[in-house]
Amino acid sequence: IQVVDTSGPVQVDPTVGLPPYREAWIRGRD
């Protein structure tokens, strides 16, 4: 079965921060 996964990215360096998941979506808007 598949369930919602809100765990986010795995093993992210806290000094770097989370990757900009939506950046391309945002910048693609005119």
ModelCIF file with pLDDT and N, C-alpha, C, O atoms, coordinates in Angstrom:
data_MODEL
#
_entry.id   MODEL 
#
_entity.id                         1 
_entity.type                       polymer 
_entity.pdbx_number_of_molecules   1 
#
_entity_poly.entity_id                      1 
_entity_poly.type                           'polypeptide(L)' 
_entity_poly.nstd_linkage                   no 
_entity_poly.nstd_monomer                   no 
_entity_poly.pdbx_seq_one_letter_code       IQVVDTSGPVQVDPTVGLPPYREAWIRGRD 
_entity_poly.pdbx_seq_one_letter_code_can   IQVVDTSGPVQVDPTVGLPPYREAWIRGRD 
_entity_poly.pdbx_strand_id                 A 
#
loop_
_entity_poly_seq.entity_id 
_entity_poly_seq.num 
_entity_poly_seq.mon_id 
_entity_poly_seq.hetero 
1 1  ILE n 
1 2  GLN n 
1 3  VAL n 
1 4  VAL n 
1 5  ASP n 
1 6  THR n 
1 7  SER n 
1 8  GLY n 
1 9  PRO n 
1 10 VAL n 
1 11 GLN n 
1 12 VAL n 
1 13 ASP n 
1 14 PRO n 
1 15 THR n 
1 16 VAL n 
1 17 GLY n 
1 18 LEU n 
1 19 PRO n 
1 20 PRO n 
1 21 TYR n 
1 22 ARG n 
1 23 GLU n 
1 24 ALA n 
1 25 TRP n 
1 26 ILE n 
1 27 ARG n 
1 28 GLY n 
1 29 ARG n 
1 30 ASP n 
#
_struct_asym.id          A 
_struct_asym.entity_id   1 
#
loop_
_ma_qa_metric.id 
_ma_qa_metric.mode 
_ma_qa_metric.name 
_ma_qa_metric.software_group_id 
_ma_qa_metric.type 
1 global pLDDT . pLDDT 
2 local  pLDDT . pLDDT 
#
_ma_qa_metric_global.metric_id      1 
_ma_qa_metric_global.metric_value   84.80 
_ma_qa_metric_global.model_id       1 
_ma_qa_metric_global.ordinal_id     1 
#
loop_
_ma_qa_metric_local.label_asym_id 
_ma_qa_metric_local.label_comp_id 
_ma_qa_metric_local.label_seq_id 
_ma_qa_metric_local.metric_id 
_ma_qa_metric_local.metric_value 
_ma_qa_metric_local.model_id 
_ma_qa_metric_local.ordinal_id 
A ILE 1  2 95.00 1 1  
A GLN 2  2 93.00 1 2  
A VAL 3  2 93.00 1 3  
A VAL 4  2 91.00 1 4  
A ASP 5  2 89.00 1 5  
A THR 6  2 84.00 1 6  
A SER 7  2 83.00 1 7  
A GLY 8  2 82.00 1 8  
A PRO 9  2 81.00 1 9  
A VAL 10 2 77.00 1 10 
A GLN 11 2 78.00 1 11 
A VAL 12 2 82.00 1 12 
A ASP 13 2 81.00 1 13 
A PRO 14 2 77.00 1 14 
A THR 15 2 76.00 1 15 
A VAL 16 2 77.00 1 16 
A GLY 17 2 80.00 1 17 
A LEU 18 2 84.00 1 18 
A PRO 19 2 85.00 1 19 
A PRO 20 2 86.00 1 20 
A TYR 21 2 86.00 1 21 
A ARG 22 2 90.00 1 22 
A GLU 23 2 87.00 1 23 
A ALA 24 2 89.00 1 24 
A TRP 25 2 91.00 1 25 
A ILE 26 2 88.00 1 26 
A ARG 27 2 84.00 1 27 
A GLY 28 2 86.00 1 28 
A ARG 29 2 86.00 1 29 
A ASP 30 2 83.00 1 30 
#
loop_
_atom_site.group_PDB 
_atom_site.id 
_atom_site.type_symbol 
_atom_site.label_atom_id 
_atom_site.label_alt_id 
_atom_site.label_comp_id 
_atom_site.label_asym_id 
_atom_site.label_entity_id 
_atom_site.label_seq_id 
_atom_site.pdbx_PDB_ins_code 
_atom_site.Cartn_x 
_atom_site.Cartn_y 
_atom_site.Cartn_z 
_atom_site.occupancy 
_atom_site.B_iso_or_equiv 
_atom_site.pdbx_formal_charge 
_atom_site.auth_seq_id 
_atom_site.auth_comp_id 
_atom_site.auth_asym_id 
_atom_site.auth_atom_id 
_atom_site.pdbx_PDB_model_num 
ATOM 1   N N  . ILE A 1 1  ? 0.857  -1.188 0.000   1.00 95.00 ? 1  ILE A N  1 
ATOM 2   C CA . ILE A 1 1  ? 0.000  0.000  0.000   1.00 95.00 ? 1  ILE A CA 1 
ATOM 3   C C  . ILE A 1 1  ? 0.895  1.240  0.000   1.00 95.00 ? 1  ILE A C  1 
ATOM 4   O O  . ILE A 1 1  ? 2.038  1.197  0.454   1.00 95.00 ? 1  ILE A O  1 
ATOM 5   N N  . GLN A 1 2  ? 0.361  2.331  -0.510  1.00 93.00 ? 2  GLN A N  1 
ATOM 6   C CA . GLN A 1 2  ? 1.085  3.592  -0.508  1.00 93.00 ? 2  GLN A CA 1 
ATOM 7   C C  . GLN A 1 2  ? 0.337  4.577  0.385   1.00 93.00 ? 2  GLN A C  1 
ATOM 8   O O  . GLN A 1 2  ? -0.882 4.722  0.293   1.00 93.00 ? 2  GLN A O  1 
ATOM 9   N N  . VAL A 1 3  ? 1.099  5.253  1.254   1.00 93.00 ? 3  VAL A N  1 
ATOM 10  C CA . VAL A 1 3  ? 0.522  6.237  2.161   1.00 93.00 ? 3  VAL A CA 1 
ATOM 11  C C  . VAL A 1 3  ? 1.267  7.561  1.998   1.00 93.00 ? 3  VAL A C  1 
ATOM 12  O O  . VAL A 1 3  ? 2.378  7.605  1.470   1.00 93.00 ? 3  VAL A O  1 
ATOM 13  N N  . VAL A 1 4  ? 0.642  8.622  2.455   1.00 91.00 ? 4  VAL A N  1 
ATOM 14  C CA . VAL A 1 4  ? 1.251  9.949  2.378   1.00 91.00 ? 4  VAL A CA 1 
ATOM 15  C C  . VAL A 1 4  ? 2.578  9.942  3.126   1.00 91.00 ? 4  VAL A C  1 
ATOM 16  O O  . VAL A 1 4  ? 2.674  9.404  4.229   1.00 91.00 ? 4  VAL A O  1 
ATOM 17  N N  . ASP A 1 5  ? 3.600  10.544 2.519   1.00 89.00 ? 5  ASP A N  1 
ATOM 18  C CA . ASP A 1 5  ? 4.909  10.637 3.158   1.00 89.00 ? 5  ASP A CA 1 
ATOM 19  C C  . ASP A 1 5  ? 5.286  12.106 3.291   1.00 89.00 ? 5  ASP A C  1 
ATOM 20  O O  . ASP A 1 5  ? 5.550  12.775 2.292   1.00 89.00 ? 5  ASP A O  1 
ATOM 21  N N  . THR A 1 6  ? 5.312  12.598 4.498   1.00 84.00 ? 6  THR A N  1 
ATOM 22  C CA . THR A 1 6  ? 5.681  13.990 4.732   1.00 84.00 ? 6  THR A CA 1 
ATOM 23  C C  . THR A 1 6  ? 7.026  14.091 5.444   1.00 84.00 ? 6  THR A C  1 
ATOM 24  O O  . THR A 1 6  ? 7.311  15.099 6.090   1.00 84.00 ? 6  THR A O  1 
ATOM 25  N N  . SER A 1 7  ? 7.854  13.054 5.329   1.00 83.00 ? 7  SER A N  1 
ATOM 26  C CA . SER A 1 7  ? 9.133  13.039 6.039   1.00 83.00 ? 7  SER A CA 1 
ATOM 27  C C  . SER A 1 7  ? 10.147 14.004 5.445   1.00 83.00 ? 7  SER A C  1 
ATOM 28  O O  . SER A 1 7  ? 11.130 14.337 6.106   1.00 83.00 ? 7  SER A O  1 
ATOM 29  N N  . GLY A 1 8  ? 9.939  14.457 4.226   1.00 82.00 ? 8  GLY A N  1 
ATOM 30  C CA . GLY A 1 8  ? 10.864 15.393 3.602   1.00 82.00 ? 8  GLY A CA 1 
ATOM 31  C C  . GLY A 1 8  ? 12.141 14.713 3.149   1.00 82.00 ? 8  GLY A C  1 
ATOM 32  O O  . GLY A 1 8  ? 12.256 13.489 3.213   1.00 82.00 ? 8  GLY A O  1 
ATOM 33  N N  . PRO A 1 9  ? 13.098 15.500 2.694   1.00 81.00 ? 9  PRO A N  1 
ATOM 34  C CA . PRO A 1 9  ? 14.369 14.938 2.234   1.00 81.00 ? 9  PRO A CA 1 
ATOM 35  C C  . PRO A 1 9  ? 15.098 14.233 3.368   1.00 81.00 ? 9  PRO A C  1 
ATOM 36  O O  . PRO A 1 9  ? 14.970 14.617 4.531   1.00 81.00 ? 9  PRO A O  1 
ATOM 37  N N  . VAL A 1 10 ? 15.854 13.212 3.031   1.00 77.00 ? 10 VAL A N  1 
ATOM 38  C CA . VAL A 1 10 ? 16.565 12.413 4.024   1.00 77.00 ? 10 VAL A CA 1 
ATOM 39  C C  . VAL A 1 10 ? 18.011 12.895 4.116   1.00 77.00 ? 10 VAL A C  1 
ATOM 40  O O  . VAL A 1 10 ? 18.615 13.250 3.103   1.00 77.00 ? 10 VAL A O  1 
ATOM 41  N N  . GLN A 1 11 ? 18.558 12.907 5.310   1.00 78.00 ? 11 GLN A N  1 
ATOM 42  C CA . GLN A 1 11 ? 19.947 13.255 5.585   1.00 78.00 ? 11 GLN A CA 1 
ATOM 43  C C  . GLN A 1 11 ? 20.359 14.578 4.949   1.00 78.00 ? 11 GLN A C  1 
ATOM 44  O O  . GLN A 1 11 ? 21.300 14.623 4.157   1.00 78.00 ? 11 GLN A O  1 
ATOM 45  N N  . VAL A 1 12 ? 19.663 15.643 5.293   1.00 82.00 ? 12 VAL A N  1 
ATOM 46  C CA . VAL A 1 12 ? 20.001 16.974 4.811   1.00 82.00 ? 12 VAL A CA 1 
ATOM 47  C C  . VAL A 1 12 ? 20.892 17.650 5.843   1.00 82.00 ? 12 VAL A C  1 
ATOM 48  O O  . VAL A 1 12 ? 20.603 17.613 7.040   1.00 82.00 ? 12 VAL A O  1 
ATOM 49  N N  . ASP A 1 13 ? 21.963 18.261 5.385   1.00 81.00 ? 13 ASP A N  1 
ATOM 50  C CA . ASP A 1 13 ? 22.880 18.981 6.256   1.00 81.00 ? 13 ASP A CA 1 
ATOM 51  C C  . ASP A 1 13 ? 22.187 20.255 6.749   1.00 81.00 ? 13 ASP A C  1 
ATOM 52  O O  . ASP A 1 13 ? 21.824 21.103 5.934   1.00 81.00 ? 13 ASP A O  1 
ATOM 53  N N  . PRO A 1 14 ? 21.996 20.407 8.054   1.00 77.00 ? 14 PRO A N  1 
ATOM 54  C CA . PRO A 1 14 ? 21.279 21.585 8.559   1.00 77.00 ? 14 PRO A CA 1 
ATOM 55  C C  . PRO A 1 14 ? 22.003 22.901 8.299   1.00 77.00 ? 14 PRO A C  1 
ATOM 56  O O  . PRO A 1 14 ? 21.377 23.961 8.329   1.00 77.00 ? 14 PRO A O  1 
ATOM 57  N N  . THR A 1 15 ? 23.301 22.854 8.046   1.00 76.00 ? 15 THR A N  1 
ATOM 58  C CA . THR A 1 15 ? 24.015 24.095 7.741   1.00 76.00 ? 15 THR A CA 1 
ATOM 59  C C  . THR A 1 15 ? 23.829 24.509 6.290   1.00 76.00 ? 15 THR A C  1 
ATOM 60  O O  . THR A 1 15 ? 24.203 25.618 5.908   1.00 76.00 ? 15 THR A O  1 
ATOM 61  N N  . VAL A 1 16 ? 23.264 23.641 5.490   1.00 77.00 ? 16 VAL A N  1 
ATOM 62  C CA . VAL A 1 16 ? 23.000 23.956 4.084   1.00 77.00 ? 16 VAL A CA 1 
ATOM 63  C C  . VAL A 1 16 ? 21.524 24.269 3.870   1.00 77.00 ? 16 VAL A C  1 
ATOM 64  O O  . VAL A 1 16 ? 21.182 25.098 3.027   1.00 77.00 ? 16 VAL A O  1 
ATOM 65  N N  . GLY A 1 17 ? 20.651 23.613 4.628   1.00 80.00 ? 17 GLY A N  1 
ATOM 66  C CA . GLY A 1 17 ? 19.223 23.844 4.506   1.00 80.00 ? 17 GLY A CA 1 
ATOM 67  C C  . GLY A 1 17 ? 18.573 22.873 3.532   1.00 80.00 ? 17 GLY A C  1 
ATOM 68  O O  . GLY A 1 17 ? 19.250 22.084 2.873   1.00 80.00 ? 17 GLY A O  1 
ATOM 69  N N  . LEU A 1 18 ? 17.263 22.945 3.452   1.00 84.00 ? 18 LEU A N  1 
ATOM 70  C CA . LEU A 1 18 ? 16.506 22.067 2.568   1.00 84.00 ? 18 LEU A CA 1 
ATOM 71  C C  . LEU A 1 18 ? 16.673 22.488 1.113   1.00 84.00 ? 18 LEU A C  1 
ATOM 72  O O  . LEU A 1 18 ? 16.835 23.675 0.827   1.00 84.00 ? 18 LEU A O  1 
ATOM 73  N N  . PRO A 1 19 ? 16.636 21.535 0.197   1.00 85.00 ? 19 PRO A N  1 
ATOM 74  C CA . PRO A 1 19 ? 16.730 21.895 -1.211  1.00 85.00 ? 19 PRO A CA 1 
ATOM 75  C C  . PRO A 1 19 ? 15.500 22.679 -1.661  1.00 85.00 ? 19 PRO A C  1 
ATOM 76  O O  . PRO A 1 19 ? 14.404 22.446 -1.150  1.00 85.00 ? 19 PRO A O  1 
ATOM 77  N N  . PRO A 1 20 ? 15.659 23.596 -2.601  1.00 86.00 ? 20 PRO A N  1 
ATOM 78  C CA . PRO A 1 20 ? 14.532 24.422 -3.060  1.00 86.00 ? 20 PRO A CA 1 
ATOM 79  C C  . PRO A 1 20 ? 13.631 23.650 -4.014  1.00 86.00 ? 20 PRO A C  1 
ATOM 80  O O  . PRO A 1 20 ? 13.675 23.851 -5.228  1.00 86.00 ? 20 PRO A O  1 
ATOM 81  N N  . TYR A 1 21 ? 12.822 22.771 -3.458  1.00 86.00 ? 21 TYR A N  1 
ATOM 82  C CA . TYR A 1 21 ? 11.984 21.837 -4.206  1.00 86.00 ? 21 TYR A CA 1 
ATOM 83  C C  . TYR A 1 21 ? 11.134 22.519 -5.277  1.00 86.00 ? 21 TYR A C  1 
ATOM 84  O O  . TYR A 1 21 ? 10.998 21.995 -6.383  1.00 86.00 ? 21 TYR A O  1 
ATOM 85  N N  . ARG A 1 22 ? 10.560 23.681 -4.959  1.00 90.00 ? 22 ARG A N  1 
ATOM 86  C CA . ARG A 1 22 ? 9.615  24.354 -5.855  1.00 90.00 ? 22 ARG A CA 1 
ATOM 87  C C  . ARG A 1 22 ? 10.235 25.497 -6.664  1.00 90.00 ? 22 ARG A C  1 
ATOM 88  O O  . ARG A 1 22 ? 9.519  26.197 -7.379  1.00 90.00 ? 22 ARG A O  1 
ATOM 89  N N  . GLU A 1 23 ? 11.530 25.695 -6.565  1.00 87.00 ? 23 GLU A N  1 
ATOM 90  C CA . GLU A 1 23 ? 12.146 26.865 -7.201  1.00 87.00 ? 23 GLU A CA 1 
ATOM 91  C C  . GLU A 1 23 ? 11.864 26.942 -8.705  1.00 87.00 ? 23 GLU A C  1 
ATOM 92  O O  . GLU A 1 23 ? 11.521 28.012 -9.208  1.00 87.00 ? 23 GLU A O  1 
ATOM 93  N N  . ALA A 1 24 ? 11.999 25.848 -9.416  1.00 89.00 ? 24 ALA A N  1 
ATOM 94  C CA . ALA A 1 24 ? 11.752 25.866 -10.864 1.00 89.00 ? 24 ALA A CA 1 
ATOM 95  C C  . ALA A 1 24 ? 10.289 26.197 -11.165 1.00 89.00 ? 24 ALA A C  1 
ATOM 96  O O  . ALA A 1 24 ? 10.001 26.886 -12.144 1.00 89.00 ? 24 ALA A O  1 
ATOM 97  N N  . TRP A 1 25 ? 9.374  25.719 -10.342 1.00 91.00 ? 25 TRP A N  1 
ATOM 98  C CA . TRP A 1 25 ? 7.951  26.029 -10.535 1.00 91.00 ? 25 TRP A CA 1 
ATOM 99  C C  . TRP A 1 25 ? 7.721  27.529 -10.404 1.00 91.00 ? 25 TRP A C  1 
ATOM 100 O O  . TRP A 1 25 ? 7.030  28.141 -11.219 1.00 91.00 ? 25 TRP A O  1 
ATOM 101 N N  . ILE A 1 26 ? 8.316  28.112 -9.361  1.00 88.00 ? 26 ILE A N  1 
ATOM 102 C CA . ILE A 1 26 ? 8.115  29.533 -9.074  1.00 88.00 ? 26 ILE A CA 1 
ATOM 103 C C  . ILE A 1 26 ? 8.746  30.400 -10.158 1.00 88.00 ? 26 ILE A C  1 
ATOM 104 O O  . ILE A 1 26 ? 8.108  31.314 -10.681 1.00 88.00 ? 26 ILE A O  1 
ATOM 105 N N  . ARG A 1 27 ? 9.985  30.113 -10.488 1.00 84.00 ? 27 ARG A N  1 
ATOM 106 C CA . ARG A 1 27 ? 10.694 30.923 -11.485 1.00 84.00 ? 27 ARG A CA 1 
ATOM 107 C C  . ARG A 1 27 ? 10.109 30.750 -12.888 1.00 84.00 ? 27 ARG A C  1 
ATOM 108 O O  . ARG A 1 27 ? 10.328 31.600 -13.751 1.00 84.00 ? 27 ARG A O  1 
ATOM 109 N N  . GLY A 1 28 ? 9.381  29.680 -13.126 1.00 86.00 ? 28 GLY A N  1 
ATOM 110 C CA . GLY A 1 28 ? 8.771  29.446 -14.428 1.00 86.00 ? 28 GLY A CA 1 
ATOM 111 C C  . GLY A 1 28 ? 7.535  30.291 -14.683 1.00 86.00 ? 28 GLY A C  1 
ATOM 112 O O  . GLY A 1 28 ? 7.009  30.301 -15.797 1.00 86.00 ? 28 GLY A O  1 
ATOM 113 N N  . ARG A 1 29 ? 7.070  30.993 -13.674 1.00 86.00 ? 29 ARG A N  1 
ATOM 114 C CA . ARG A 1 29 ? 5.873  31.829 -13.827 1.00 86.00 ? 29 ARG A CA 1 
ATOM 115 C C  . ARG A 1 29 ? 6.277  33.193 -14.377 1.00 86.00 ? 29 ARG A C  1 
ATOM 116 O O  . ARG A 1 29 ? 7.280  33.770 -13.957 1.00 86.00 ? 29 ARG A O  1 
ATOM 117 N N  . ASP A 1 30 ? 5.492  33.697 -15.314 1.00 83.00 ? 30 ASP A N  1 
ATOM 118 C CA . ASP A 1 30 ? 5.850  34.948 -15.973 1.00 83.00 ? 30 ASP A CA 1 
ATOM 119 C C  . ASP A 1 30 ? 5.645  36.185 -15.111 1.00 83.00 ? 30 ASP A C  1 
ATOM 120 O O  . ASP A 1 30 ? 5.912  37.300 -15.557 1.00 83.00 ? 30 ASP A O  1 
#
